[in-house]
Structures are given as C-alpha cells and as structure tokens.
C-alpha cells in the first residue's frame, strides 16, 4: 500500500543509517521497524487492575462535624498558631 508519511528528522536519519549499514532499502527498513514495534506492543502483558485497600483512620474526635471541614481546618490552624505563639514566650 502506498501512503504519505511524515517522519521526524532524527528518526529518518536513524532509519537511513540502518538502511545504509544493512544494504536494505529505506522502505524495507521502515516496514521492518514498524513490524517489530507492533509485535512488541502486542506482547505487552495487560496491566493488572488497580486495587486500593481501604484503611480506617478512626473516628473523629467528639464535637467535630465532618460535614463542616472548613470549621475543623480553622480550629486546627488556630490551635497551631496558639501553640507557636506560646513557644515564643
């Protein structure tokens, strides 16, 4: 089958070098290289499915409503700031 194909300059140079070294035609080197690449792609083992093992992080501390995550974050930040300020004294 005849087709037009755009090949990167570096790859074309490598293919031409192989053709020169092996005394084969550029067309034959391109076809052989594509054939080997396709065969290698078919031989890859299928990826195993990703499995995630759930891990319990425990229960939230009493008095915290997890539906209000921003309030929890603000509270923790406030505690951290107070601790930092107390360490400076």
Foldseek 3Di string as FASTA:
>chain_A
DDDDDDDDPVVLVVLVVVCVVVVHDSVVSVVVVVVVVVVVVVPDDDDDDDDDDDDDPDDDDPPDDVVCVVVVVVVVVVVVVVVVVVVVD
